Amino acid sequence: MSYICPLCNGLAPLTATCPDCGYLLENAGTKEDYAGPYSPYGSADQYTSAYSVHAPSGCEHVVQCPHCHEAYIYHVNAWKAP
């Protein structure tokens, strides 16, 4: 069975809020984009996991607060592909 990420495919908006200030978080891409072998950024392990959803399959995104500039790892539950 195949799964897809609703955020990566633009099928659902990000509705999570910052645990520190309550502002709506912005999607900054997948965690793999930041931790790839040719990544110009630091390790993805530097981000805290504030939104831990234990799903059998899913996608991890780096999200950032536009107000306090904190970054978090957000776990997105994958949808079954049609």
N, C-alpha and C. Protein backbone atom coordinates (compact mmCIF):
# COMPACT_ATOMS: atom_id res chain seq x y z
N MET A 1 0.84 -1.17 0.00
CA MET A 1 0.00 0.00 0.00
C MET A 1 0.89 1.24 0.00
N SER A 2 0.50 2.21 -0.74
CA SER A 2 1.27 3.44 -0.91
C SER A 2 0.66 4.57 -0.08
N TYR A 3 1.53 5.43 0.45
CA TYR A 3 1.08 6.56 1.25
C TYR A 3 1.66 7.86 0.68
N ILE A 4 0.96 8.98 0.93
CA ILE A 4 1.43 10.29 0.51
C ILE A 4 1.32 11.27 1.68
N CYS A 5 2.16 12.27 1.67
CA CYS A 5 2.12 13.31 2.71
C CYS A 5 1.20 14.43 2.23
N PRO A 6 0.18 14.78 3.02
CA PRO A 6 -0.73 15.85 2.60
C PRO A 6 -0.07 17.23 2.53
N LEU A 7 0.96 17.48 3.35
CA LEU A 7 1.65 18.77 3.28
C LEU A 7 2.56 18.86 2.06
N CYS A 8 3.31 17.80 1.79
CA CYS A 8 4.22 17.79 0.63
C CYS A 8 3.44 17.95 -0.68
N ASN A 9 2.23 17.40 -0.72
CA ASN A 9 1.44 17.41 -1.95
C ASN A 9 0.40 18.53 -1.99
N GLY A 10 0.39 19.42 -1.01
CA GLY A 10 -0.52 20.56 -1.01
C GLY A 10 -1.98 20.17 -0.85
N LEU A 11 -2.24 19.05 -0.20
CA LEU A 11 -3.62 18.58 -0.04
C LEU A 11 -4.27 19.06 1.26
N ALA A 12 -3.47 19.51 2.21
CA ALA A 12 -3.99 20.00 3.48
C ALA A 12 -3.09 21.12 3.99
N PRO A 13 -3.68 22.12 4.63
CA PRO A 13 -2.86 23.21 5.18
C PRO A 13 -2.25 22.82 6.52
N LEU A 14 -1.19 23.49 6.90
CA LEU A 14 -0.58 23.31 8.21
C LEU A 14 -1.39 24.15 9.19
N THR A 15 -1.95 23.53 10.21
CA THR A 15 -2.80 24.24 11.16
C THR A 15 -2.22 24.26 12.57
N ALA A 16 -0.99 23.82 12.73
CA ALA A 16 -0.35 23.78 14.05
C ALA A 16 0.05 25.18 14.50
N THR A 17 0.00 25.39 15.81
CA THR A 17 0.41 26.68 16.38
C THR A 17 1.65 26.50 17.24
N CYS A 18 2.37 27.58 17.42
CA CYS A 18 3.60 27.58 18.20
C CYS A 18 3.28 27.31 19.67
N PRO A 19 3.98 26.35 20.28
CA PRO A 19 3.73 26.07 21.70
C PRO A 19 4.20 27.20 22.63
N ASP A 20 5.06 28.09 22.13
CA ASP A 20 5.56 29.19 22.96
C ASP A 20 4.67 30.43 22.91
N CYS A 21 4.25 30.83 21.70
CA CYS A 21 3.51 32.10 21.59
C CYS A 21 2.13 31.96 20.96
N GLY A 22 1.80 30.81 20.37
CA GLY A 22 0.47 30.60 19.83
C GLY A 22 0.26 31.02 18.39
N TYR A 23 1.28 31.56 17.73
CA TYR A 23 1.16 31.94 16.32
C TYR A 23 1.09 30.69 15.43
N LEU A 24 0.49 30.85 14.27
CA LEU A 24 0.41 29.74 13.31
C LEU A 24 1.80 29.47 12.75
N LEU A 25 2.22 28.20 12.79
CA LEU A 25 3.54 27.82 12.30
C LEU A 25 3.58 27.77 10.78
N GLU A 26 4.75 27.99 10.21
CA GLU A 26 4.94 27.94 8.76
C GLU A 26 5.79 26.73 8.40
N ASN A 27 5.41 26.07 7.32
CA ASN A 27 6.14 24.90 6.84
C ASN A 27 7.44 25.35 6.18
N ALA A 28 8.56 24.75 6.61
CA ALA A 28 9.86 25.09 6.04
C ALA A 28 10.46 23.94 5.25
N GLY A 29 9.64 22.93 4.93
CA GLY A 29 10.12 21.80 4.14
C GLY A 29 10.29 20.55 4.98
N THR A 30 10.68 19.48 4.32
CA THR A 30 10.85 18.21 5.03
C THR A 30 12.15 18.19 5.80
N LYS A 31 12.19 17.36 6.82
CA LYS A 31 13.39 17.22 7.64
C LYS A 31 14.56 16.73 6.80
N GLU A 32 14.28 15.86 5.83
CA GLU A 32 15.33 15.32 4.97
C GLU A 32 16.01 16.40 4.14
N ASP A 33 15.26 17.46 3.80
CA ASP A 33 15.85 18.57 3.05
C ASP A 33 16.96 19.25 3.84
N TYR A 34 16.84 19.24 5.15
CA TYR A 34 17.82 19.89 6.02
C TYR A 34 18.96 18.96 6.43
N ALA A 35 18.71 17.66 6.36
CA ALA A 35 19.70 16.71 6.86
C ALA A 35 20.34 15.87 5.75
N GLY A 36 20.11 16.22 4.51
CA GLY A 36 20.66 15.46 3.40
C GLY A 36 22.17 15.55 3.34
N PRO A 37 22.79 14.68 2.56
CA PRO A 37 24.26 14.66 2.52
C PRO A 37 24.88 15.93 1.94
N TYR A 38 24.13 16.67 1.13
CA TYR A 38 24.67 17.89 0.53
C TYR A 38 23.98 19.13 1.08
N SER A 39 23.39 19.02 2.24
CA SER A 39 22.65 20.10 2.85
C SER A 39 23.57 21.23 3.31
N PRO A 40 23.21 22.49 3.01
CA PRO A 40 24.02 23.62 3.48
C PRO A 40 23.68 24.00 4.92
N TYR A 41 22.69 23.32 5.51
CA TYR A 41 22.22 23.68 6.84
C TYR A 41 22.80 22.71 7.87
N GLY A 42 22.56 23.03 9.14
CA GLY A 42 23.01 22.17 10.22
C GLY A 42 22.19 20.90 10.29
N SER A 43 22.51 20.07 11.24
CA SER A 43 21.82 18.81 11.43
C SER A 43 20.37 19.03 11.81
N ALA A 44 19.48 18.20 11.31
CA ALA A 44 18.06 18.31 11.64
C ALA A 44 17.82 17.93 13.09
N ASP A 45 18.78 17.31 13.74
CA ASP A 45 18.63 16.95 15.15
C ASP A 45 18.67 18.17 16.06
N GLN A 46 19.02 19.33 15.54
CA GLN A 46 19.06 20.53 16.35
C GLN A 46 17.67 21.06 16.66
N TYR A 47 16.67 20.60 15.94
CA TYR A 47 15.30 21.06 16.16
C TYR A 47 14.62 20.17 17.18
N THR A 48 13.82 20.78 18.05
CA THR A 48 13.11 20.01 19.05
C THR A 48 11.83 19.44 18.46
N SER A 49 11.40 18.32 18.99
CA SER A 49 10.19 17.68 18.50
C SER A 49 9.03 18.04 19.42
N ALA A 50 8.35 19.15 19.15
CA ALA A 50 7.25 19.61 19.98
C ALA A 50 5.95 18.92 19.63
N TYR A 51 5.83 18.43 18.42
CA TYR A 51 4.60 17.81 17.97
C TYR A 51 4.89 16.36 17.61
N SER A 52 4.84 15.50 18.57
CA SER A 52 5.18 14.11 18.34
C SER A 52 3.91 13.29 18.17
N VAL A 53 3.63 12.90 16.95
CA VAL A 53 2.50 12.04 16.64
C VAL A 53 3.07 10.72 16.16
N HIS A 54 2.82 9.67 16.91
CA HIS A 54 3.38 8.36 16.56
C HIS A 54 2.44 7.69 15.57
N ALA A 55 2.81 7.70 14.32
CA ALA A 55 2.00 7.10 13.26
C ALA A 55 2.81 5.99 12.60
N PRO A 56 2.14 4.99 12.05
CA PRO A 56 2.87 3.92 11.38
C PRO A 56 3.64 4.42 10.16
N SER A 57 3.13 5.43 9.53
CA SER A 57 3.85 6.04 8.40
C SER A 57 3.55 7.52 8.39
N GLY A 58 4.50 8.29 7.96
CA GLY A 58 4.30 9.72 7.95
C GLY A 58 5.52 10.45 7.41
N CYS A 59 5.46 11.74 7.50
CA CYS A 59 6.51 12.60 6.97
C CYS A 59 6.85 13.62 8.06
N GLU A 60 8.13 13.91 8.22
CA GLU A 60 8.55 14.89 9.20
C GLU A 60 8.91 16.20 8.50
N HIS A 61 8.31 17.28 8.97
CA HIS A 61 8.55 18.60 8.40
C HIS A 61 9.18 19.50 9.45
N VAL A 62 10.02 20.41 9.00
CA VAL A 62 10.54 21.46 9.86
C VAL A 62 9.55 22.60 9.75
N VAL A 63 9.06 23.06 10.89
CA VAL A 63 8.12 24.18 10.92
C VAL A 63 8.75 25.29 11.75
N GLN A 64 8.42 26.54 11.41
CA GLN A 64 9.01 27.67 12.11
C GLN A 64 7.95 28.69 12.44
N CYS A 65 8.10 29.31 13.60
CA CYS A 65 7.19 30.36 14.02
C CYS A 65 7.66 31.69 13.44
N PRO A 66 6.78 32.41 12.73
CA PRO A 66 7.18 33.71 12.17
C PRO A 66 7.32 34.80 13.23
N HIS A 67 6.78 34.57 14.42
CA HIS A 67 6.83 35.57 15.48
C HIS A 67 8.07 35.43 16.36
N CYS A 68 8.28 34.22 16.93
CA CYS A 68 9.42 34.04 17.84
C CYS A 68 10.59 33.32 17.18
N HIS A 69 10.43 32.90 15.92
CA HIS A 69 11.49 32.30 15.11
C HIS A 69 12.02 30.96 15.64
N GLU A 70 11.24 30.29 16.47
CA GLU A 70 11.62 28.95 16.94
C GLU A 70 11.28 27.94 15.86
N ALA A 71 12.09 26.89 15.74
CA ALA A 71 11.85 25.83 14.76
C ALA A 71 11.58 24.52 15.48
N TYR A 72 10.70 23.71 14.90
CA TYR A 72 10.30 22.44 15.49
C TYR A 72 10.18 21.39 14.40
N ILE A 73 10.19 20.14 14.81
CA ILE A 73 9.88 19.04 13.90
C ILE A 73 8.41 18.70 14.08
N TYR A 74 7.67 18.65 12.98
CA TYR A 74 6.24 18.36 13.00
C TYR A 74 6.00 17.08 12.23
N HIS A 75 5.40 16.09 12.87
CA HIS A 75 5.12 14.81 12.25
C HIS A 75 3.75 14.85 11.59
N VAL A 76 3.71 14.57 10.30
CA VAL A 76 2.47 14.57 9.53
C VAL A 76 2.07 13.13 9.23
N ASN A 77 0.85 12.78 9.59
CA ASN A 77 0.35 11.44 9.28
C ASN A 77 0.14 11.31 7.78
N ALA A 78 0.63 10.25 7.22
CA ALA A 78 0.48 10.02 5.78
C ALA A 78 -0.93 9.54 5.46
N TRP A 79 -1.40 9.87 4.28
CA TRP A 79 -2.70 9.42 3.79
C TRP A 79 -2.48 8.26 2.85
N LYS A 80 -3.44 7.36 2.79
CA LYS A 80 -3.38 6.27 1.83
C LYS A 80 -3.55 6.85 0.43
N ALA A 81 -2.68 6.45 -0.46
CA ALA A 81 -2.77 6.92 -1.85
C ALA A 81 -3.93 6.21 -2.55
N PRO A 82 -4.64 6.96 -3.38
CA PRO A 82 -5.78 6.33 -4.10
C PRO A 82 -5.32 5.32 -5.13
